[in-house]
Amino acid sequence: MLPADTPVLLALLIVSAVTSGFVALRYFASSGLFAWITQRVRPGLYDGKERQIGREIRWSLIAAFIYGTPAGMVFWAWNHLGWTQLYTDFSAYPLWYLPASVLICLFAQDTWFYWSHRAMHHPKLFRVMHAVHHDSRPPTSWTAMSFHPIESLTGALLIPVLVFVVPIHIAMLGVVLTVATVMGVTNHMGWEMFPRALVHSPLGNWMITASHHEKHHERYGCNFGLYFRFWDRLCGTDRGLSKRMVEQSGYGEKGVRI
């Protein structure tokens, strides 16, 4: 806790720096963990990609600062001014609202991501904002936060805005951030970690895993979603799963052995 007489601008600077540090640590912990798993499950998959991974880490550290700054400011405003819809009392809302608030935030994230991501594939915006992310060919577990600063800004503002609109328990916000971190990394790591029974199930047909997002990195103009295939299916931009990853699994797109 900062002293009560800390100047506001200094306090905001400090909390933003601390939060950015946590975002960077979260990045290294999650991407590092799945890189380690990849080395053991798919040995050699990242061989020869040292320069690419180094570039991904550098961009990701810049992104960590951009994501951490507004998050730190909002946290300070909640803690010191009572702003936002964050709450800590589990009895403040019905228990059923706890998972509901998570789904609301995930769907809002997914909607914002789909449309902003699709817009960034316009040729003029792509060169300025999104080419950095697609420089990772193919992506690795270190790619998830490898963004140009302008693209980072479009993603960094959503959660801070949402907590002013959507009541959410601080623990459920932690769930949202955990899902965002894990899905962001696992969808980029170049192999499918989820079991075939899930990927090729009715549920799998509506959620995004590495097999689905890899197709986006192969073809660019499709599979724009973040968590769910809802917007891709509704807007006709769903092109199914990556052929390479499907063949790698030994199963066809419908889950039939090939």
C-alpha atoms as a PDB file:
ATOM      1  CA  MET A   1       0.000   0.000   0.000  1.00  0.00           C
ATOM      2  CA  LEU A   2       1.233   3.477  -0.842  1.00  0.00           C
ATOM      3  CA  PRO A   3       1.231   6.219   1.807  1.00  0.00           C
ATOM      4  CA  ALA A   4      -1.962   8.251   1.813  1.00  0.00           C
ATOM      5  CA  ASP A   5      -0.090  11.465   0.974  1.00  0.00           C
ATOM      6  CA  THR A   6       1.552  10.019  -2.178  1.00  0.00           C
ATOM      7  CA  PRO A   7       0.904  12.422  -5.084  1.00  0.00           C
ATOM      8  CA  VAL A   8      -1.668  10.968  -7.469  1.00  0.00           C
ATOM      9  CA  LEU A   9       0.565  11.084 -10.547  1.00  0.00           C
ATOM     10  CA  LEU A  10       3.412   9.387  -8.688  1.00  0.00           C
ATOM     11  CA  ALA A  11       1.020   6.770  -7.311  1.00  0.00           C
ATOM     12  CA  LEU A  12      -0.324   6.030 -10.775  1.00  0.00           C
ATOM     13  CA  LEU A  13       3.215   5.743 -12.120  1.00  0.00           C
ATOM     14  CA  ILE A  14       4.205   3.325  -9.375  1.00  0.00           C
ATOM     15  CA  VAL A  15       1.142   1.071  -9.610  1.00  0.00           C
ATOM     16  CA  SER A  16       1.411   1.034 -13.414  1.00  0.00           C
ATOM     17  CA  ALA A  17       5.055  -0.026 -13.211  1.00  0.00           C
ATOM     18  CA  VAL A  18       4.268  -2.736 -10.665  1.00  0.00           C
ATOM     19  CA  THR A  19       1.314  -4.035 -12.684  1.00  0.00           C
ATOM     20  CA  SER A  20       3.386  -4.040 -15.872  1.00  0.00           C
ATOM     21  CA  GLY A  21       5.992  -6.086 -14.028  1.00  0.00           C
ATOM     22  CA  PHE A  22       3.320  -8.608 -13.024  1.00  0.00           C
ATOM     23  CA  VAL A  23       2.076  -8.815 -16.627  1.00  0.00           C
ATOM     24  CA  ALA A  24       5.641  -9.466 -17.812  1.00  0.00           C
ATOM     25  CA  LEU A  25       6.158 -12.141 -15.142  1.00  0.00           C
ATOM     26  CA  ARG A  26       2.837 -13.753 -16.113  1.00  0.00           C
ATOM     27  CA  TYR A  27       3.996 -13.796 -19.730  1.00  0.00           C
ATOM     28  CA  PHE A  28       7.328 -15.432 -18.914  1.00  0.00           C
ATOM     29  CA  ALA A  29       5.696 -17.929 -16.554  1.00  0.00           C
ATOM     30  CA  SER A  30       2.939 -19.018 -18.944  1.00  0.00           C
ATOM     31  CA  SER A  31       4.861 -18.920 -22.217  1.00  0.00           C
ATOM     32  CA  GLY A  32       7.930 -20.428 -20.558  1.00  0.00           C
ATOM     33  CA  LEU A  33       5.884 -23.257 -19.050  1.00  0.00           C
ATOM     34  CA  PHE A  34       4.278 -24.180 -22.366  1.00  0.00           C
ATOM     35  CA  ALA A  35       7.589 -23.830 -24.197  1.00  0.00           C
ATOM     36  CA  TRP A  36       9.028 -26.327 -21.706  1.00  0.00           C
ATOM     37  CA  ILE A  37       6.052 -28.656 -22.247  1.00  0.00           C
ATOM     38  CA  THR A  38       6.463 -28.303 -26.012  1.00  0.00           C
ATOM     39  CA  GLN A  39      10.121 -29.284 -25.781  1.00  0.00           C
ATOM     40  CA  ARG A  40       9.087 -32.520 -24.090  1.00  0.00           C
ATOM     41  CA  VAL A  41       5.940 -33.332 -26.048  1.00  0.00           C
ATOM     42  CA  ARG A  42       7.111 -32.088 -29.470  1.00  0.00           C
ATOM     43  CA  PRO A  43      10.920 -32.105 -29.224  1.00  0.00           C
ATOM     44  CA  GLY A  44      12.592 -30.041 -31.930  1.00  0.00           C
ATOM     45  CA  LEU A  45       9.437 -28.130 -32.879  1.00  0.00           C
ATOM     46  CA  TYR A  46      11.075 -24.778 -32.064  1.00  0.00           C
ATOM     47  CA  ASP A  47      14.553 -25.658 -33.350  1.00  0.00           C
ATOM     48  CA  GLY A  48      15.982 -22.857 -35.502  1.00  0.00           C
ATOM     49  CA  LYS A  49      13.481 -20.307 -34.216  1.00  0.00           C
ATOM     50  CA  GLU A  50      15.783 -18.626 -31.699  1.00  0.00           C
ATOM     51  CA  ARG A  51      15.800 -15.272 -33.538  1.00  0.00           C
ATOM     52  CA  GLN A  52      12.022 -15.353 -33.964  1.00  0.00           C
ATOM     53  CA  ILE A  53      11.493 -16.147 -30.277  1.00  0.00           C
ATOM     54  CA  GLY A  54      13.874 -13.365 -29.249  1.00  0.00           C
ATOM     55  CA  ARG A  55      11.875 -10.917 -31.360  1.00  0.00           C
ATOM     56  CA  GLU A  56       8.610 -12.198 -29.869  1.00  0.00           C
ATOM     57  CA  ILE A  57       9.908 -11.660 -26.342  1.00  0.00           C
ATOM     58  CA  ARG A  58      11.018  -8.094 -27.089  1.00  0.00           C
ATOM     59  CA  TRP A  59       7.643  -7.111 -28.544  1.00  0.00           C
ATOM     60  CA  SER A  60       5.883  -8.881 -25.676  1.00  0.00           C
ATOM     61  CA  LEU A  61       7.776  -6.889 -23.050  1.00  0.00           C
ATOM     62  CA  ILE A  62       6.619  -3.670 -24.696  1.00  0.00           C
ATOM     63  CA  ALA A  63       3.089  -5.088 -24.750  1.00  0.00           C
ATOM     64  CA  ALA A  64       3.363  -5.942 -21.041  1.00  0.00           C
ATOM     65  CA  PHE A  65       3.966  -2.267 -20.251  1.00  0.00           C
ATOM     66  CA  ILE A  66       1.033  -1.190 -22.430  1.00  0.00           C
ATOM     67  CA  TYR A  67      -1.301  -3.756 -20.851  1.00  0.00           C
ATOM     68  CA  GLY A  68      -0.074  -3.081 -17.335  1.00  0.00           C
ATOM     69  CA  THR A  69      -0.408   0.715 -17.375  1.00  0.00           C
ATOM     70  CA  PRO A  70      -4.212   1.068 -17.692  1.00  0.00           C
ATOM     71  CA  ALA A  71      -4.738  -2.015 -15.508  1.00  0.00           C
ATOM     72  CA  GLY A  72      -2.648  -0.457 -12.736  1.00  0.00           C
ATOM     73  CA  MET A  73      -4.492   2.843 -12.991  1.00  0.00           C
ATOM     74  CA  VAL A  74      -7.878   1.137 -12.773  1.00  0.00           C
ATOM     75  CA  PHE A  75      -6.756  -0.952  -9.809  1.00  0.00           C
ATOM     76  CA  TRP A  76      -5.633   2.198  -7.996  1.00  0.00           C
ATOM     77  CA  ALA A  77      -8.926   3.949  -8.798  1.00  0.00           C
ATOM     78  CA  TRP A  78     -10.866   0.972  -7.428  1.00  0.00           C
ATOM     79  CA  ASN A  79      -8.746   0.651  -4.297  1.00  0.00           C
ATOM     80  CA  HIS A  80      -8.559   4.346  -3.429  1.00  0.00           C
ATOM     81  CA  LEU A  81     -11.652   5.914  -4.953  1.00  0.00           C
ATOM     82  CA  GLY A  82     -14.135   3.042  -5.052  1.00  0.00           C
ATOM     83  CA  TRP A  83     -14.568   3.412  -8.800  1.00  0.00           C
ATOM     84  CA  THR A  84     -15.394   0.427 -11.079  1.00  0.00           C
ATOM     85  CA  GLN A  85     -17.879  -2.400 -10.586  1.00  0.00           C
ATOM     86  CA  LEU A  86     -15.324  -4.701  -8.955  1.00  0.00           C
ATOM     87  CA  TYR A  87     -16.454  -6.216  -5.654  1.00  0.00           C
ATOM     88  CA  THR A  88     -15.014  -8.510  -2.988  1.00  0.00           C
ATOM     89  CA  ASP A  89     -18.091  -9.631  -1.055  1.00  0.00           C
ATOM     90  CA  PHE A  90     -19.322 -12.982  -2.412  1.00  0.00           C
ATOM     91  CA  SER A  91     -22.794 -12.233  -1.054  1.00  0.00           C
ATOM     92  CA  ALA A  92     -23.144  -8.991  -3.002  1.00  0.00           C
ATOM     93  CA  TYR A  93     -24.678 -10.860  -5.947  1.00  0.00           C
ATOM     94  CA  PRO A  94     -26.286 -14.312  -6.306  1.00  0.00           C
ATOM     95  CA  LEU A  95     -23.790 -17.168  -6.585  1.00  0.00           C
ATOM     96  CA  TRP A  96     -24.998 -18.003 -10.096  1.00  0.00           C
ATOM     97  CA  TYR A  97     -23.770 -14.575 -11.180  1.00  0.00           C
ATOM     98  CA  LEU A  98     -20.140 -15.517 -10.478  1.00  0.00           C
ATOM     99  CA  PRO A  99     -19.744 -17.794 -13.538  1.00  0.00           C
ATOM    100  CA  ALA A 100     -22.207 -15.624 -15.479  1.00  0.00           C
ATOM    101  CA  SER A 101     -19.960 -12.578 -15.038  1.00  0.00           C
ATOM    102  CA  VAL A 102     -16.998 -14.579 -16.347  1.00  0.00           C
ATOM    103  CA  LEU A 103     -18.950 -15.623 -19.447  1.00  0.00           C
ATOM    104  CA  ILE A 104     -20.123 -12.038 -20.016  1.00  0.00           C
ATOM    105  CA  CYS A 105     -16.550 -10.756 -19.937  1.00  0.00           C
ATOM    106  CA  LEU A 106     -15.229 -13.584 -22.120  1.00  0.00           C
ATOM    107  CA  PHE A 107     -17.945 -13.002 -24.710  1.00  0.00           C
ATOM    108  CA  ALA A 108     -17.299  -9.249 -24.661  1.00  0.00           C
ATOM    109  CA  GLN A 109     -13.582  -9.907 -25.143  1.00  0.00           C
ATOM    110  CA  ASP A 110     -14.281 -12.350 -27.941  1.00  0.00           C
ATOM    111  CA  THR A 111     -16.603  -9.892 -29.701  1.00  0.00           C
ATOM    112  CA  TRP A 112     -14.166  -6.989 -29.434  1.00  0.00           C
ATOM    113  CA  PHE A 113     -11.277  -9.197 -30.545  1.00  0.00           C
ATOM    114  CA  TYR A 114     -13.124 -10.617 -33.549  1.00  0.00           C
ATOM    115  CA  TRP A 115     -14.099  -7.257 -35.000  1.00  0.00           C
ATOM    116  CA  SER A 116     -10.889  -5.376 -34.157  1.00  0.00           C
ATOM    117  CA  HIS A 117      -8.796  -8.327 -35.364  1.00  0.00           C
ATOM    118  CA  ARG A 118     -10.741  -8.555 -38.596  1.00  0.00           C
ATOM    119  CA  ALA A 119     -10.374  -4.797 -39.118  1.00  0.00           C
ATOM    120  CA  MET A 120      -6.613  -5.080 -38.624  1.00  0.00           C
ATOM    121  CA  HIS A 121      -6.467  -7.403 -41.625  1.00  0.00           C
ATOM    122  CA  HIS A 122      -7.422  -4.529 -43.909  1.00  0.00           C
ATOM    123  CA  PRO A 123      -4.213  -4.033 -45.940  1.00  0.00           C
ATOM    124  CA  LYS A 124      -3.524  -0.505 -44.668  1.00  0.00           C
ATOM    125  CA  LEU A 125      -4.111  -1.377 -41.009  1.00  0.00           C
ATOM    126  CA  PHE A 126      -2.332  -4.715 -41.325  1.00  0.00           C
ATOM    127  CA  ARG A 127       0.980  -3.131 -42.308  1.00  0.00           C
ATOM    128  CA  VAL A 128       0.817  -0.627 -39.460  1.00  0.00           C
ATOM    129  CA  MET A 129      -0.711  -2.653 -36.630  1.00  0.00           C
ATOM    130  CA  HIS A 130      -0.812  -6.384 -37.179  1.00  0.00           C
ATOM    131  CA  ALA A 131       2.153  -7.430 -39.340  1.00  0.00           C
ATOM    132  CA  VAL A 132       4.348  -7.783 -36.244  1.00  0.00           C
ATOM    133  CA  HIS A 133       2.160 -10.577 -34.889  1.00  0.00           C
ATOM    134  CA  HIS A 134       2.150 -12.423 -38.211  1.00  0.00           C
ATOM    135  CA  ASP A 135       5.918 -12.164 -38.519  1.00  0.00           C
ATOM    136  CA  SER A 136       5.899 -15.291 -36.352  1.00  0.00           C
ATOM    137  CA  ARG A 137       5.767 -18.065 -38.958  1.00  0.00           C
ATOM    138  CA  PRO A 138       4.713 -20.411 -37.553  1.00  0.00           C
ATOM    139  CA  PRO A 139       3.807 -19.053 -34.095  1.00  0.00           C
ATOM    140  CA  THR A 140       5.300 -20.410 -30.894  1.00  0.00           C
ATOM    141  CA  SER A 141       4.286 -20.348 -27.243  1.00  0.00           C
ATOM    142  CA  TRP A 142       6.104 -16.988 -27.021  1.00  0.00           C
ATOM    143  CA  THR A 143       3.908 -15.398 -29.741  1.00  0.00           C
ATOM    144  CA  ALA A 144       0.750 -14.748 -27.708  1.00  0.00           C
ATOM    145  CA  MET A 145       1.726 -11.174 -26.695  1.00  0.00           C
ATOM    146  CA  SER A 146       3.968 -10.346 -29.626  1.00  0.00           C
ATOM    147  CA  PHE A 147       2.107  -7.253 -30.830  1.00  0.00           C
ATOM    148  CA  HIS A 148       2.881  -3.881 -32.317  1.00  0.00           C
ATOM    149  CA  PRO A 149       2.251  -1.212 -29.626  1.00  0.00           C
ATOM    150  CA  ILE A 150      -0.848   0.085 -31.432  1.00  0.00           C
ATOM    151  CA  GLU A 151      -2.347  -3.407 -31.517  1.00  0.00           C
ATOM    152  CA  SER A 152      -1.445  -3.849 -27.852  1.00  0.00           C
ATOM    153  CA  LEU A 153      -3.346  -0.675 -27.034  1.00  0.00           C
ATOM    154  CA  THR A 154      -6.531  -1.963 -28.692  1.00  0.00           C
ATOM    155  CA  GLY A 155      -6.431  -5.047 -26.465  1.00  0.00           C
ATOM    156  CA  ALA A 156      -5.184  -3.384 -23.286  1.00  0.00           C
ATOM    157  CA  LEU A 157      -8.150  -1.046 -22.839  1.00  0.00           C
ATOM    158  CA  LEU A 158     -11.020  -3.533 -22.977  1.00  0.00           C
ATOM    159  CA  ILE A 159     -10.826  -5.158 -19.518  1.00  0.00           C
ATOM    160  CA  PRO A 160     -10.226  -1.795 -17.756  1.00  0.00           C
ATOM    161  CA  VAL A 161     -13.345  -0.467 -19.505  1.00  0.00           C
ATOM    162  CA  LEU A 162     -15.388  -3.607 -18.771  1.00  0.00           C
ATOM    163  CA  VAL A 163     -14.849  -3.409 -15.010  1.00  0.00           C
ATOM    164  CA  PHE A 164     -16.553  -0.008 -15.041  1.00  0.00           C
ATOM    165  CA  VAL A 165     -19.603  -1.561 -16.722  1.00  0.00           C
ATOM    166  CA  VAL A 166     -19.874  -5.206 -15.640  1.00  0.00           C
ATOM    167  CA  PRO A 167     -20.045  -6.048 -11.915  1.00  0.00           C
ATOM    168  CA  ILE A 168     -17.478  -8.782 -11.313  1.00  0.00           C
ATOM    169  CA  HIS A 169     -15.910 -10.289  -8.212  1.00  0.00           C
ATOM    170  CA  ILE A 170     -12.149  -9.783  -8.038  1.00  0.00           C
ATOM    171  CA  ALA A 171     -11.647 -13.581  -7.997  1.00  0.00           C
ATOM    172  CA  MET A 172     -13.750 -13.978 -11.156  1.00  0.00           C
ATOM    173  CA  LEU A 173     -11.687 -11.270 -12.822  1.00  0.00           C
ATOM    174  CA  GLY A 174      -8.692 -13.467 -11.985  1.00  0.00           C
ATOM    175  CA  VAL A 175     -10.445 -16.341 -13.767  1.00  0.00           C
ATOM    176  CA  VAL A 176     -11.000 -14.180 -16.856  1.00  0.00           C
ATOM    177  CA  LEU A 177      -7.339 -13.148 -16.936  1.00  0.00           C
ATOM    178  CA  THR A 178      -6.214 -16.749 -16.430  1.00  0.00           C
ATOM    179  CA  VAL A 179      -8.374 -17.979 -19.310  1.00  0.00           C
ATOM    180  CA  ALA A 180      -7.057 -15.164 -21.519  1.00  0.00           C
ATOM    181  CA  THR A 181      -3.461 -16.054 -20.661  1.00  0.00           C
ATOM    182  CA  VAL A 182      -3.766 -19.821 -21.093  1.00  0.00           C
ATOM    183  CA  MET A 183      -5.814 -19.665 -24.293  1.00  0.00           C
ATOM    184  CA  GLY A 184      -3.578 -16.985 -25.752  1.00  0.00           C
ATOM    185  CA  VAL A 185      -0.506 -19.158 -25.279  1.00  0.00           C
ATOM    186  CA  THR A 186      -1.950 -22.580 -26.114  1.00  0.00           C
ATOM    187  CA  ASN A 187      -3.604 -21.314 -29.309  1.00  0.00           C
ATOM    188  CA  HIS A 188      -0.217 -20.211 -30.657  1.00  0.00           C
ATOM    189  CA  MET A 189       2.196 -22.926 -29.610  1.00  0.00           C
ATOM    190  CA  GLY A 190       2.124 -24.887 -32.850  1.00  0.00           C
ATOM    191  CA  TRP A 191       0.520 -28.132 -31.672  1.00  0.00           C
ATOM    192  CA  GLU A 192      -2.779 -29.195 -30.192  1.00  0.00           C
ATOM    193  CA  MET A 193      -2.675 -29.851 -26.454  1.00  0.00           C
ATOM    194  CA  PHE A 194      -6.389 -30.468 -26.025  1.00  0.00           C
ATOM    195  CA  PRO A 195      -7.607 -34.075 -26.511  1.00  0.00           C
ATOM    196  CA  ARG A 196      -9.145 -35.092 -29.832  1.00  0.00           C
ATOM    197  CA  ALA A 197     -12.343 -36.013 -27.967  1.00  0.00           C
ATOM    198  CA  LEU A 198     -12.765 -32.306 -27.157  1.00  0.00           C
ATOM    199  CA  VAL A 199     -11.464 -30.732 -30.370  1.00  0.00           C
ATOM    200  CA  HIS A 200     -13.746 -32.886 -32.551  1.00  0.00           C
ATOM    201  CA  SER A 201     -16.768 -32.771 -30.254  1.00  0.00           C
ATOM    202  CA  PRO A 202     -19.897 -30.585 -30.535  1.00  0.00           C
ATOM    203  CA  LEU A 203     -18.332 -28.311 -27.891  1.00  0.00           C
ATOM    204  CA  GLY A 204     -15.073 -28.238 -29.828  1.00  0.00           C
ATOM    205  CA  ASN A 205     -16.956 -27.071 -32.892  1.00  0.00           C
ATOM    206  CA  TRP A 206     -17.769 -23.848 -31.032  1.00  0.00           C
ATOM    207  CA  MET A 207     -14.525 -23.161 -29.163  1.00  0.00           C
ATOM    208  CA  ILE A 208     -11.139 -22.101 -30.466  1.00  0.00           C
ATOM    209  CA  THR A 209      -8.043 -24.179 -29.880  1.00  0.00           C
ATOM    210  CA  ALA A 210      -4.643 -24.271 -31.565  1.00  0.00           C
ATOM    211  CA  SER A 211      -5.986 -26.367 -34.461  1.00  0.00           C
ATOM    212  CA  HIS A 212      -8.452 -23.606 -35.325  1.00  0.00           C
ATOM    213  CA  HIS A 213      -6.241 -20.560 -34.734  1.00  0.00           C
ATOM    214  CA  GLU A 214      -3.313 -22.083 -36.629  1.00  0.00           C
ATOM    215  CA  LYS A 215      -5.493 -21.909 -39.757  1.00  0.00           C
ATOM    216  CA  HIS A 216      -5.643 -18.138 -39.282  1.00  0.00           C
ATOM    217  CA  HIS A 217      -1.854 -17.927 -39.262  1.00  0.00           C
ATOM    218  CA  GLU A 218      -1.758 -20.051 -42.415  1.00  0.00           C
ATOM    219  CA  ARG A 219      -4.443 -18.216 -44.426  1.00  0.00           C
ATOM    220  CA  TYR A 220      -4.822 -14.845 -42.647  1.00  0.00           C
ATOM    221  CA  GLY A 221      -8.327 -14.030 -43.951  1.00  0.00           C
ATOM    222  CA  CYS A 222     -10.286 -16.391 -41.730  1.00  0.00           C
ATOM    223  CA  ASN A 223     -10.715 -17.691 -38.154  1.00  0.00           C
ATOM    224  CA  PHE A 224     -10.539 -14.303 -36.445  1.00  0.00           C
ATOM    225  CA  GLY A 225     -12.076 -15.275 -33.080  1.00  0.00           C
ATOM    226  CA  LEU A 226     -10.413 -15.426 -29.678  1.00  0.00           C
ATOM    227  CA  TYR A 227     -12.296 -17.998 -27.570  1.00  0.00           C
ATOM    228  CA  PHE A 228     -15.414 -18.967 -29.504  1.00  0.00           C
ATOM    229  CA  ARG A 229     -16.236 -19.693 -33.146  1.00  0.00           C
ATOM    230  CA  PHE A 230     -19.580 -17.879 -32.847  1.00  0.00           C
ATOM    231  CA  TRP A 231     -18.669 -14.744 -34.822  1.00  0.00           C
ATOM    232  CA  ASP A 232     -16.625 -16.663 -37.395  1.00  0.00           C
ATOM    233  CA  ARG A 233     -19.569 -18.986 -38.055  1.00  0.00           C
ATOM    234  CA  LEU A 234     -22.120 -16.162 -38.084  1.00  0.00           C
ATOM    235  CA  CYS A 235     -20.048 -14.016 -40.457  1.00  0.00           C
ATOM    236  CA  GLY A 236     -18.865 -16.830 -42.738  1.00  0.00           C
ATOM    237  CA  THR A 237     -15.166 -16.528 -41.854  1.00  0.00           C
ATOM    238  CA  ASP A 238     -14.763 -19.953 -40.226  1.00  0.00           C
ATOM    239  CA  ARG A 239     -12.521 -22.156 -42.354  1.00  0.00           C
ATOM    240  CA  GLY A 240     -12.196 -25.081 -39.986  1.00  0.00           C
ATOM    241  CA  LEU A 241      -8.989 -26.533 -38.626  1.00  0.00           C
ATOM    242  CA  SER A 242      -5.373 -26.426 -39.747  1.00  0.00           C
ATOM    243  CA  LYS A 243      -4.699 -29.333 -42.108  1.00  0.00           C
ATOM    244  CA  ARG A 244      -1.145 -29.624 -40.806  1.00  0.00           C
ATOM    245  CA  MET A 245      -2.248 -29.925 -37.218  1.00  0.00           C
ATOM    246  CA  VAL A 246      -5.083 -32.298 -38.050  1.00  0.00           C
ATOM    247  CA  GLU A 247      -2.664 -34.569 -39.913  1.00  0.00           C
ATOM    248  CA  GLN A 248      -0.187 -34.234 -37.078  1.00  0.00           C
ATOM    249  CA  SER A 249      -2.819 -35.601 -34.716  1.00  0.00           C
ATOM    250  CA  GLY A 250      -3.542 -38.536 -37.029  1.00  0.00           C
ATOM    251  CA  TYR A 251      -7.243 -37.656 -37.184  1.00  0.00           C
ATOM    252  CA  GLY A 252      -9.388 -35.944 -39.797  1.00  0.00           C
ATOM    253  CA  GLU A 253     -11.404 -32.801 -39.118  1.00  0.00           C
ATOM    254  CA  LYS A 254     -14.379 -34.861 -37.949  1.00  0.00           C
ATOM    255  CA  GLY A 255     -12.233 -36.860 -35.563  1.00  0.00           C
ATOM    256  CA  VAL A 256     -11.978 -39.918 -37.821  1.00  0.00           C
ATOM    257  CA  ARG A 257      -8.562 -41.587 -37.946  1.00  0.00           C
ATOM    258  CA  ILE A 258      -6.776 -41.035 -41.264  1.00  0.00           C
END
